Amino acid sequence: MLTKALINYRKQLATVSARSVHTYEGKNYCSPEGLKDVVNHLDELRPTYTLLYFHAKWNPTCEAIDKDYENFTNKNNQFYHMKVDCDETPVVKRYFDARVEPMFLLLIKGGEIARMTGFNFHKLQTLCDKATNLHEKEFAYHFGTKDTWERFYDEYDRFARTGEVDRDSFRAHYDVVADTHRGPGSL
């Protein structure tokens, strides 16, 4: 009897501590709980077009454009929309180098195509239309690579993956050290 109770308790803990991506009824977007959620979820689904929206609850601009964002997601069903709360998931924010809210990050087959800071939805619609046109008509894919999924997280800084190292201060130190091979008189 005690054994069954312990097994049930462990199952309950496992389901509570499991990472997830939240979907909302009547909404065309989801929200991750952490970086592993974003990586695993997109790796599993492999959507052709993905739009990440970085927002903050405390930001009055993000609050003001909430309805516009929902209308935009409903209008653009060909995109997979993820709404990332920068306060609840700061590691995701640092990982994608989202320095300002609101910010949009556009991925095609997992590879970053564009990022936009601000909330001009007309400009964002133009950017999305341009991205779909590029993918469908203009990109010169070779030997059936059009449907190949890129692991987008391989593009980003390996030091940003943990979210513990400031990228800019490290780069300032690293770039000076890395340029010493050019010799005297180099810039």
N, C-alpha and C. Protein backbone atom coordinates (compact mmCIF):
# COMPACT_ATOMS: atom_id res chain seq x y z
N MET A 1 0.81 -1.18 0.00
CA MET A 1 0.00 0.00 0.00
C MET A 1 0.87 1.26 0.00
N LEU A 2 1.88 1.29 0.85
CA LEU A 2 2.80 2.41 0.91
C LEU A 2 3.59 2.52 -0.39
N THR A 3 3.95 1.38 -0.96
CA THR A 3 4.69 1.37 -2.21
C THR A 3 3.86 2.00 -3.33
N LYS A 4 2.59 1.64 -3.42
CA LYS A 4 1.72 2.22 -4.44
C LYS A 4 1.59 3.73 -4.24
N ALA A 5 1.48 4.16 -3.00
CA ALA A 5 1.37 5.59 -2.71
C ALA A 5 2.64 6.33 -3.13
N LEU A 6 3.80 5.75 -2.89
CA LEU A 6 5.07 6.37 -3.31
C LEU A 6 5.18 6.42 -4.83
N ILE A 7 4.78 5.36 -5.50
CA ILE A 7 4.82 5.33 -6.96
C ILE A 7 3.90 6.41 -7.53
N ASN A 8 2.70 6.53 -7.01
CA ASN A 8 1.76 7.57 -7.47
C ASN A 8 2.31 8.96 -7.20
N TYR A 9 2.94 9.15 -6.03
CA TYR A 9 3.51 10.45 -5.69
C TYR A 9 4.64 10.80 -6.66
N ARG A 10 5.49 9.84 -7.00
CA ARG A 10 6.58 10.08 -7.94
C ARG A 10 6.03 10.43 -9.32
N LYS A 11 4.97 9.76 -9.74
CA LYS A 11 4.35 10.08 -11.03
C LYS A 11 3.82 11.50 -11.04
N GLN A 12 3.20 11.90 -9.92
CA GLN A 12 2.69 13.26 -9.83
C GLN A 12 3.82 14.27 -9.89
N LEU A 13 4.90 14.02 -9.20
CA LEU A 13 6.05 14.92 -9.25
C LEU A 13 6.64 14.99 -10.64
N ALA A 14 6.70 13.87 -11.31
CA ALA A 14 7.26 13.84 -12.67
C ALA A 14 6.42 14.68 -13.62
N THR A 15 5.11 14.61 -13.49
CA THR A 15 4.27 15.41 -14.38
C THR A 15 4.32 16.89 -14.03
N VAL A 16 4.48 17.23 -12.76
CA VAL A 16 4.57 18.63 -12.36
C VAL A 16 5.88 19.24 -12.82
N SER A 17 6.98 18.49 -12.69
CA SER A 17 8.29 19.05 -13.01
C SER A 17 8.62 18.95 -14.49
N ALA A 18 7.78 18.28 -15.27
CA ALA A 18 8.06 18.13 -16.70
C ALA A 18 7.95 19.50 -17.38
N ARG A 19 8.88 19.77 -18.25
CA ARG A 19 8.85 21.02 -18.99
C ARG A 19 7.76 20.95 -20.05
N SER A 20 7.27 22.11 -20.42
CA SER A 20 6.20 22.10 -21.40
C SER A 20 6.14 23.42 -22.14
N VAL A 21 5.35 23.39 -23.19
CA VAL A 21 5.03 24.58 -23.95
C VAL A 21 3.52 24.76 -23.81
N HIS A 22 3.11 25.91 -23.34
CA HIS A 22 1.70 26.16 -23.07
C HIS A 22 0.99 26.64 -24.33
N THR A 23 -0.13 26.03 -24.61
CA THR A 23 -1.00 26.50 -25.69
C THR A 23 -2.26 27.07 -25.05
N TYR A 24 -2.90 27.98 -25.74
CA TYR A 24 -4.07 28.67 -25.19
C TYR A 24 -5.25 28.48 -26.14
N GLU A 25 -6.38 28.16 -25.57
CA GLU A 25 -7.57 27.91 -26.37
C GLU A 25 -8.00 29.19 -27.09
N GLY A 26 -8.21 29.07 -28.38
CA GLY A 26 -8.63 30.21 -29.18
C GLY A 26 -7.51 31.13 -29.61
N LYS A 27 -6.29 30.79 -29.26
CA LYS A 27 -5.13 31.62 -29.63
C LYS A 27 -4.25 30.83 -30.60
N ASN A 28 -3.56 31.54 -31.45
CA ASN A 28 -2.72 30.92 -32.47
C ASN A 28 -1.24 31.00 -32.10
N TYR A 29 -0.94 30.97 -30.81
CA TYR A 29 0.44 31.00 -30.36
C TYR A 29 0.59 30.13 -29.12
N CYS A 30 1.86 29.86 -28.78
CA CYS A 30 2.15 29.11 -27.57
C CYS A 30 3.25 29.84 -26.81
N SER A 31 3.46 29.44 -25.55
CA SER A 31 4.48 30.07 -24.71
C SER A 31 5.33 28.99 -24.05
N PRO A 32 6.66 29.09 -24.18
CA PRO A 32 7.54 28.09 -23.55
C PRO A 32 7.82 28.42 -22.10
N GLU A 33 8.20 27.40 -21.34
CA GLU A 33 8.60 27.61 -19.95
C GLU A 33 10.10 27.80 -19.81
N GLY A 34 10.88 27.40 -20.80
CA GLY A 34 12.32 27.53 -20.73
C GLY A 34 12.98 27.28 -22.07
N LEU A 35 14.29 27.37 -22.07
CA LEU A 35 15.04 27.22 -23.30
C LEU A 35 14.93 25.81 -23.87
N LYS A 36 14.99 24.80 -23.02
CA LYS A 36 14.86 23.43 -23.50
C LYS A 36 13.50 23.20 -24.14
N ASP A 37 12.49 23.89 -23.65
CA ASP A 37 11.16 23.76 -24.25
C ASP A 37 11.16 24.29 -25.68
N VAL A 38 11.78 25.43 -25.89
CA VAL A 38 11.84 26.01 -27.24
C VAL A 38 12.57 25.07 -28.17
N VAL A 39 13.75 24.62 -27.74
CA VAL A 39 14.58 23.76 -28.58
C VAL A 39 13.88 22.44 -28.89
N ASN A 40 13.40 21.77 -27.87
CA ASN A 40 12.76 20.46 -28.07
C ASN A 40 11.47 20.57 -28.86
N HIS A 41 10.68 21.58 -28.56
CA HIS A 41 9.39 21.73 -29.23
C HIS A 41 9.57 22.01 -30.72
N LEU A 42 10.44 22.95 -31.04
CA LEU A 42 10.65 23.27 -32.45
C LEU A 42 11.38 22.15 -33.18
N ASP A 43 12.28 21.45 -32.49
CA ASP A 43 12.94 20.30 -33.10
C ASP A 43 11.95 19.20 -33.44
N GLU A 44 10.95 19.05 -32.58
CA GLU A 44 9.95 18.02 -32.81
C GLU A 44 8.99 18.40 -33.94
N LEU A 45 8.51 19.66 -33.94
CA LEU A 45 7.53 20.10 -34.93
C LEU A 45 8.16 20.45 -36.28
N ARG A 46 9.32 21.07 -36.24
CA ARG A 46 10.03 21.52 -37.44
C ARG A 46 9.16 22.34 -38.39
N PRO A 47 8.61 23.45 -37.89
CA PRO A 47 7.76 24.26 -38.76
C PRO A 47 8.58 24.98 -39.83
N THR A 48 7.97 25.23 -40.97
CA THR A 48 8.66 25.95 -42.04
C THR A 48 8.93 27.39 -41.64
N TYR A 49 7.92 28.05 -41.12
CA TYR A 49 8.05 29.45 -40.70
C TYR A 49 7.74 29.56 -39.21
N THR A 50 8.63 30.22 -38.48
CA THR A 50 8.43 30.43 -37.04
C THR A 50 8.64 31.91 -36.74
N LEU A 51 7.79 32.45 -35.90
CA LEU A 51 7.93 33.83 -35.45
C LEU A 51 7.94 33.83 -33.93
N LEU A 52 9.07 34.23 -33.35
CA LEU A 52 9.19 34.35 -31.89
C LEU A 52 8.92 35.80 -31.51
N TYR A 53 8.05 35.99 -30.55
CA TYR A 53 7.71 37.33 -30.06
C TYR A 53 8.16 37.44 -28.62
N PHE A 54 9.11 38.33 -28.35
CA PHE A 54 9.64 38.54 -27.00
C PHE A 54 8.91 39.74 -26.40
N HIS A 55 8.27 39.51 -25.26
CA HIS A 55 7.52 40.57 -24.60
C HIS A 55 7.77 40.52 -23.10
N ALA A 56 7.35 41.58 -22.42
CA ALA A 56 7.45 41.65 -20.96
C ALA A 56 6.13 42.18 -20.42
N LYS A 57 5.68 41.58 -19.33
CA LYS A 57 4.39 41.98 -18.76
C LYS A 57 4.42 43.39 -18.20
N TRP A 58 5.58 43.82 -17.71
CA TRP A 58 5.69 45.14 -17.09
C TRP A 58 5.75 46.25 -18.14
N ASN A 59 6.03 45.91 -19.39
CA ASN A 59 6.21 46.89 -20.46
C ASN A 59 4.84 47.37 -20.95
N PRO A 60 4.53 48.66 -20.82
CA PRO A 60 3.22 49.15 -21.26
C PRO A 60 3.02 49.04 -22.78
N THR A 61 4.10 49.10 -23.55
CA THR A 61 3.99 48.95 -24.99
C THR A 61 3.54 47.54 -25.35
N CYS A 62 4.13 46.54 -24.71
CA CYS A 62 3.75 45.16 -24.97
C CYS A 62 2.30 44.91 -24.58
N GLU A 63 1.88 45.52 -23.48
CA GLU A 63 0.50 45.36 -23.04
C GLU A 63 -0.46 46.02 -24.03
N ALA A 64 -0.05 47.16 -24.58
CA ALA A 64 -0.90 47.90 -25.50
C ALA A 64 -1.08 47.17 -26.84
N ILE A 65 -0.08 46.43 -27.27
CA ILE A 65 -0.16 45.77 -28.58
C ILE A 65 -0.61 44.31 -28.49
N ASP A 66 -1.04 43.87 -27.33
CA ASP A 66 -1.45 42.48 -27.15
C ASP A 66 -2.56 42.06 -28.12
N LYS A 67 -3.59 42.87 -28.24
CA LYS A 67 -4.70 42.54 -29.16
C LYS A 67 -4.22 42.56 -30.62
N ASP A 68 -3.36 43.52 -30.95
CA ASP A 68 -2.83 43.58 -32.32
C ASP A 68 -2.00 42.34 -32.63
N TYR A 69 -1.25 41.87 -31.64
CA TYR A 69 -0.45 40.66 -31.83
C TYR A 69 -1.36 39.44 -32.05
N GLU A 70 -2.42 39.34 -31.28
CA GLU A 70 -3.35 38.22 -31.46
C GLU A 70 -4.00 38.26 -32.84
N ASN A 71 -4.38 39.45 -33.30
CA ASN A 71 -4.93 39.59 -34.65
C ASN A 71 -3.91 39.20 -35.71
N PHE A 72 -2.67 39.60 -35.47
CA PHE A 72 -1.59 39.27 -36.42
C PHE A 72 -1.37 37.76 -36.50
N THR A 73 -1.39 37.08 -35.35
CA THR A 73 -1.20 35.62 -35.35
C THR A 73 -2.36 34.91 -36.04
N ASN A 74 -3.57 35.41 -35.86
CA ASN A 74 -4.71 34.80 -36.54
C ASN A 74 -4.68 35.03 -38.04
N LYS A 75 -4.14 36.16 -38.45
CA LYS A 75 -4.05 36.48 -39.87
C LYS A 75 -2.95 35.67 -40.57
N ASN A 76 -1.89 35.31 -39.84
CA ASN A 76 -0.73 34.62 -40.42
C ASN A 76 -0.66 33.19 -39.91
N ASN A 77 -1.55 32.36 -40.40
CA ASN A 77 -1.60 30.96 -39.96
C ASN A 77 -0.45 30.12 -40.48
N GLN A 78 0.22 30.55 -41.55
CA GLN A 78 1.33 29.77 -42.09
C GLN A 78 2.56 29.81 -41.18
N PHE A 79 2.57 30.75 -40.21
CA PHE A 79 3.68 30.87 -39.27
C PHE A 79 3.34 30.15 -37.97
N TYR A 80 4.35 29.57 -37.36
CA TYR A 80 4.21 29.00 -36.03
C TYR A 80 4.65 30.08 -35.06
N HIS A 81 3.75 30.52 -34.20
CA HIS A 81 4.00 31.66 -33.32
C HIS A 81 4.33 31.20 -31.91
N MET A 82 5.43 31.76 -31.36
CA MET A 82 5.80 31.53 -29.97
C MET A 82 5.91 32.88 -29.28
N LYS A 83 5.20 33.02 -28.18
CA LYS A 83 5.21 34.26 -27.39
C LYS A 83 6.07 34.00 -26.16
N VAL A 84 7.23 34.62 -26.11
CA VAL A 84 8.21 34.38 -25.05
C VAL A 84 8.13 35.51 -24.04
N ASP A 85 7.78 35.17 -22.81
CA ASP A 85 7.75 36.14 -21.72
C ASP A 85 9.18 36.28 -21.17
N CYS A 86 9.77 37.44 -21.36
CA CYS A 86 11.17 37.65 -20.98
C CYS A 86 11.38 37.67 -19.48
N ASP A 87 10.34 37.95 -18.71
CA ASP A 87 10.47 37.94 -17.25
C ASP A 87 10.46 36.52 -16.71
N GLU A 88 9.61 35.67 -17.26
CA GLU A 88 9.51 34.29 -16.80
C GLU A 88 10.62 33.41 -17.36
N THR A 89 11.13 33.75 -18.53
CA THR A 89 12.17 32.94 -19.18
C THR A 89 13.36 33.82 -19.60
N PRO A 90 14.11 34.35 -18.64
CA PRO A 90 15.22 35.24 -19.00
C PRO A 90 16.35 34.53 -19.76
N VAL A 91 16.49 33.23 -19.57
CA VAL A 91 17.54 32.49 -20.29
C VAL A 91 17.23 32.47 -21.79
N VAL A 92 15.95 32.32 -22.14
CA VAL A 92 15.56 32.34 -23.55
C VAL A 92 15.84 33.72 -24.14
N LYS A 93 15.55 34.76 -23.37
CA LYS A 93 15.81 36.12 -23.83
C LYS A 93 17.30 36.32 -24.10
N ARG A 94 18.15 35.91 -23.17
CA ARG A 94 19.60 36.07 -23.35
C ARG A 94 20.12 35.19 -24.47
N TYR A 95 19.57 34.02 -24.58
CA TYR A 95 20.04 33.07 -25.59
C TYR A 95 19.83 33.63 -27.00
N PHE A 96 18.66 34.22 -27.25
CA PHE A 96 18.36 34.78 -28.56
C PHE A 96 18.79 36.23 -28.69
N ASP A 97 19.46 36.75 -27.67
CA ASP A 97 19.98 38.11 -27.67
C ASP A 97 18.85 39.13 -27.90
N ALA A 98 17.74 38.92 -27.22
CA ALA A 98 16.61 39.85 -27.28
C ALA A 98 16.85 40.92 -26.22
N ARG A 99 17.33 42.05 -26.64
CA ARG A 99 17.72 43.09 -25.70
C ARG A 99 16.59 44.06 -25.36
N VAL A 100 15.58 44.11 -26.21
CA VAL A 100 14.50 45.07 -26.04
C VAL A 100 13.17 44.33 -26.23
N GLU A 101 12.16 44.75 -25.52
CA GLU A 101 10.83 44.24 -25.73
C GLU A 101 9.96 45.40 -26.23
N PRO A 102 9.13 45.19 -27.20
CA PRO A 102 8.88 43.98 -27.96
C PRO A 102 9.91 43.76 -29.06
N MET A 103 10.17 42.50 -29.34
CA MET A 103 11.08 42.12 -30.42
C MET A 103 10.55 40.86 -31.09
N PHE A 104 10.70 40.80 -32.40
CA PHE A 104 10.25 39.66 -33.18
C PHE A 104 11.46 39.02 -33.87
N LEU A 105 11.50 37.70 -33.87
CA LEU A 105 12.57 36.94 -34.50
C LEU A 105 11.93 35.97 -35.48
N LEU A 106 12.32 36.06 -36.75
CA LEU A 106 11.73 35.25 -37.81
C LEU A 106 12.70 34.15 -38.21
N LEU A 107 12.21 32.90 -38.20
CA LEU A 107 13.00 31.74 -38.59
C LEU A 107 12.35 31.06 -39.78
N ILE A 108 13.17 30.63 -40.74
CA ILE A 108 12.70 29.78 -41.83
C ILE A 108 13.41 28.45 -41.70
N LYS A 109 12.64 27.39 -41.53
CA LYS A 109 13.17 26.04 -41.34
C LYS A 109 14.23 26.01 -40.25
N GLY A 110 14.04 26.82 -39.22
CA GLY A 110 14.92 26.83 -38.06
C GLY A 110 16.08 27.78 -38.15
N GLY A 111 16.32 28.41 -39.29
CA GLY A 111 17.42 29.36 -39.43
C GLY A 111 16.92 30.79 -39.34
N GLU A 112 17.65 31.63 -38.61
CA GLU A 112 17.23 33.02 -38.44
C GLU A 112 17.33 33.78 -39.75
N ILE A 113 16.24 34.44 -40.11
CA ILE A 113 16.20 35.25 -41.32
C ILE A 113 16.23 36.73 -40.98
N ALA A 114 15.44 37.13 -40.00
CA ALA A 114 15.36 38.55 -39.66
C ALA A 114 14.90 38.72 -38.22
N ARG A 115 15.21 39.88 -37.68
CA ARG A 115 14.69 40.28 -36.37
C ARG A 115 14.24 41.72 -36.46
N MET A 116 13.20 42.02 -35.73
CA MET A 116 12.64 43.36 -35.76
C MET A 116 12.33 43.81 -34.34
N THR A 117 12.81 44.98 -34.00
CA THR A 117 12.52 45.57 -32.70
C THR A 117 11.41 46.59 -32.88
N GLY A 118 10.43 46.54 -32.01
CA GLY A 118 9.32 47.47 -32.10
C GLY A 118 8.03 46.75 -32.42
N PHE A 119 6.99 47.54 -32.70
CA PHE A 119 5.67 46.95 -32.85
C PHE A 119 4.94 47.42 -34.10
N ASN A 120 5.64 47.72 -35.16
CA ASN A 120 5.01 48.13 -36.41
C ASN A 120 4.54 46.87 -37.13
N PHE A 121 3.25 46.54 -36.98
CA PHE A 121 2.74 45.29 -37.53
C PHE A 121 2.64 45.32 -39.05
N HIS A 122 2.51 46.51 -39.63
CA HIS A 122 2.54 46.61 -41.10
C HIS A 122 3.93 46.22 -41.62
N LYS A 123 4.95 46.74 -40.97
CA LYS A 123 6.33 46.39 -41.35
C LYS A 123 6.60 44.90 -41.09
N LEU A 124 6.08 44.38 -39.99
CA LEU A 124 6.26 42.96 -39.68
C LEU A 124 5.55 42.09 -40.72
N GLN A 125 4.36 42.51 -41.16
CA GLN A 125 3.64 41.76 -42.20
C GLN A 125 4.43 41.76 -43.50
N THR A 126 5.01 42.90 -43.84
CA THR A 126 5.85 42.99 -45.05
C THR A 126 7.06 42.07 -44.93
N LEU A 127 7.66 42.03 -43.76
CA LEU A 127 8.81 41.16 -43.51
C LEU A 127 8.42 39.69 -43.63
N CYS A 128 7.27 39.33 -43.10
CA CYS A 128 6.80 37.93 -43.18
C CYS A 128 6.48 37.55 -44.62
N ASP A 129 5.84 38.46 -45.35
CA ASP A 129 5.53 38.19 -46.76
C ASP A 129 6.81 38.03 -47.58
N LYS A 130 7.78 38.87 -47.29
CA LYS A 130 9.06 38.79 -47.98
C LYS A 130 9.76 37.46 -47.67
N ALA A 131 9.69 37.03 -46.41
CA ALA A 131 10.32 35.77 -46.03
C ALA A 131 9.67 34.58 -46.71
N THR A 132 8.35 34.56 -46.78
CA THR A 132 7.68 33.45 -47.47
C THR A 132 8.00 33.46 -48.95
N ASN A 133 8.07 34.65 -49.54
CA ASN A 133 8.41 34.76 -50.96
C ASN A 133 9.85 34.29 -51.21
N LEU A 134 10.76 34.67 -50.33
CA LEU A 134 12.15 34.23 -50.47
C LEU A 134 12.25 32.71 -50.41
N HIS A 135 11.56 32.12 -49.45
CA HIS A 135 11.64 30.66 -49.29
C HIS A 135 11.00 29.93 -50.46
N GLU A 136 9.86 30.42 -50.91
CA GLU A 136 9.12 29.72 -51.97
C GLU A 136 9.71 29.94 -53.35
N LYS A 137 10.25 31.14 -53.62
CA LYS A 137 10.60 31.46 -55.01
C LYS A 137 12.05 31.87 -55.25
N GLU A 138 12.66 32.59 -54.30
CA GLU A 138 13.93 33.23 -54.62
C GLU A 138 15.16 32.51 -54.11
N PHE A 139 15.08 31.83 -52.98
CA PHE A 139 16.27 31.13 -52.48
C PHE A 139 16.65 30.02 -53.44
N ALA A 140 17.93 29.89 -53.69
CA ALA A 140 18.43 28.84 -54.58
C ALA A 140 18.86 27.64 -53.74
N TYR A 141 17.91 26.78 -53.45
CA TYR A 141 18.21 25.58 -52.67
C TYR A 141 18.82 24.54 -53.61
N HIS A 142 19.78 23.80 -53.10
CA HIS A 142 20.46 22.79 -53.91
C HIS A 142 20.07 21.40 -53.48
N PHE A 143 19.80 20.54 -54.43
CA PHE A 143 19.63 19.11 -54.23
C PHE A 143 18.63 18.76 -53.13
N GLY A 144 17.47 19.36 -53.17
CA GLY A 144 16.41 19.02 -52.23
C GLY A 144 16.62 19.51 -50.80
N THR A 145 17.44 20.54 -50.60
CA THR A 145 17.68 21.04 -49.25
C THR A 145 16.62 22.04 -48.79
N LYS A 146 15.62 22.30 -49.64
CA LYS A 146 14.58 23.26 -49.29
C LYS A 146 13.83 22.87 -48.02
N ASP A 147 13.66 21.60 -47.80
CA ASP A 147 12.92 21.13 -46.63
C ASP A 147 13.82 20.64 -45.51
N THR A 148 15.09 20.99 -45.54
CA THR A 148 16.03 20.57 -44.51
C THR A 148 15.90 21.48 -43.29
N TRP A 149 15.78 20.88 -42.13
CA TRP A 149 15.66 21.63 -40.88
C TRP A 149 17.03 22.01 -40.37
N GLU A 150 17.20 23.27 -39.99
CA GLU A 150 18.45 23.73 -39.37
C GLU A 150 18.25 23.76 -37.87
N ARG A 151 19.27 23.38 -37.18
CA ARG A 151 19.21 23.51 -35.73
C ARG A 151 19.61 24.94 -35.40
N PHE A 152 18.60 25.81 -35.27
CA PHE A 152 18.85 27.23 -35.14
C PHE A 152 19.72 27.57 -33.95
N TYR A 153 19.68 26.75 -32.92
CA TYR A 153 20.43 27.07 -31.72
C TYR A 153 21.92 26.83 -31.91
N ASP A 154 22.32 26.16 -32.99
CA ASP A 154 23.74 26.02 -33.28
C ASP A 154 24.34 27.33 -33.80
N GLU A 155 23.48 28.24 -34.27
CA GLU A 155 23.95 29.52 -34.80
C GLU A 155 24.36 30.49 -33.69
N TYR A 156 23.80 30.33 -32.53
CA TYR A 156 24.00 31.31 -31.48
C TYR A 156 25.25 31.00 -30.67
N ASP A 157 25.68 32.03 -29.98
CA ASP A 157 26.90 31.98 -29.19
C ASP A 157 26.87 30.83 -28.18
N ARG A 158 27.94 30.05 -28.14
CA ARG A 158 27.95 28.94 -27.18
C ARG A 158 27.97 29.44 -25.74
N PHE A 159 28.38 30.67 -25.53
CA PHE A 159 28.42 31.22 -24.17
C PHE A 159 27.04 31.72 -23.75
N ALA A 160 26.17 31.96 -24.70
CA ALA A 160 24.83 32.44 -24.36
C ALA A 160 23.89 31.29 -24.04
N ARG A 161 24.27 30.08 -24.32
CA ARG A 161 23.37 28.95 -24.11
C ARG A 161 23.00 28.76 -22.65
N THR A 162 23.93 29.00 -21.76
CA THR A 162 23.61 28.86 -20.34
C THR A 162 23.02 30.13 -19.78
N GLY A 163 23.23 31.25 -20.45
CA GLY A 163 22.69 32.51 -19.96
C GLY A 163 23.46 33.08 -18.79
N GLU A 164 24.65 32.54 -18.51
CA GLU A 164 25.39 33.00 -17.35
C GLU A 164 26.52 33.96 -17.69
N VAL A 165 26.89 34.05 -18.96
CA VAL A 165 28.02 34.86 -19.36
C VAL A 165 27.52 36.03 -20.20
N ASP A 166 27.98 37.22 -19.89
CA ASP A 166 27.62 38.39 -20.68
C ASP A 166 28.37 38.33 -22.00
N ARG A 167 27.65 38.31 -23.09
CA ARG A 167 28.25 38.13 -24.40
C ARG A 167 29.19 39.29 -24.77
N ASP A 168 28.74 40.52 -24.54
CA ASP A 168 29.50 41.66 -25.00
C ASP A 168 30.82 41.81 -24.25
N SER A 169 30.81 41.63 -22.96
CA SER A 169 32.06 41.78 -22.22
C SER A 169 33.03 40.66 -22.59
N PHE A 170 32.50 39.47 -22.85
CA PHE A 170 33.38 38.39 -23.27
C PHE A 170 33.95 38.67 -24.64
N ARG A 171 33.11 39.13 -25.56
CA ARG A 171 33.60 39.43 -26.91
C ARG A 171 34.64 40.53 -26.89
N ALA A 172 34.45 41.54 -26.05
CA ALA A 172 35.43 42.62 -25.96
C ALA A 172 36.78 42.07 -25.53
N HIS A 173 36.78 41.14 -24.61
CA HIS A 173 38.03 40.53 -24.17
C HIS A 173 38.56 39.57 -25.24
N TYR A 174 37.69 38.76 -25.81
CA TYR A 174 38.10 37.72 -26.74
C TYR A 174 38.63 38.31 -28.05
N ASP A 175 37.97 39.37 -28.57
CA ASP A 175 38.40 39.96 -29.83
C ASP A 175 39.80 40.55 -29.73
N VAL A 176 40.12 41.17 -28.60
CA VAL A 176 41.47 41.73 -28.42
C VAL A 176 42.50 40.61 -28.40
N VAL A 177 42.22 39.55 -27.67
CA VAL A 177 43.15 38.43 -27.59
C VAL A 177 43.26 37.72 -28.94
N ALA A 178 42.16 37.59 -29.65
CA ALA A 178 42.14 36.84 -30.91
C ALA A 178 42.89 37.57 -32.02
N ASP A 179 42.98 38.90 -31.96
CA ASP A 179 43.64 39.64 -33.03
C ASP A 179 45.14 39.74 -32.87
N THR A 180 45.72 39.15 -31.84
CA THR A 180 47.16 39.27 -31.65
C THR A 180 47.95 38.48 -32.69
N HIS A 181 47.33 37.57 -33.41
CA HIS A 181 48.06 36.79 -34.40
C HIS A 181 48.44 37.59 -35.63
N ARG A 182 47.82 38.77 -35.81
CA ARG A 182 48.11 39.57 -36.99
C ARG A 182 49.45 40.28 -36.91
N GLY A 183 49.95 40.42 -35.72
CA GLY A 183 51.26 41.06 -35.58
C GLY A 183 51.17 42.55 -35.34
N PRO A 184 52.34 43.22 -35.20
CA PRO A 184 52.35 44.64 -34.91
C PRO A 184 51.80 45.46 -36.09
N GLY A 185 51.15 46.54 -35.75
CA GLY A 185 50.62 47.44 -36.77
C GLY A 185 49.25 47.06 -37.26
N SER A 186 48.67 45.99 -36.77
CA SER A 186 47.33 45.60 -37.22
C SER A 186 46.27 46.31 -36.38
N LEU A 187 45.13 46.48 -36.95
CA LEU A 187 44.04 47.15 -36.24
C LEU A 187 43.19 46.14 -35.53
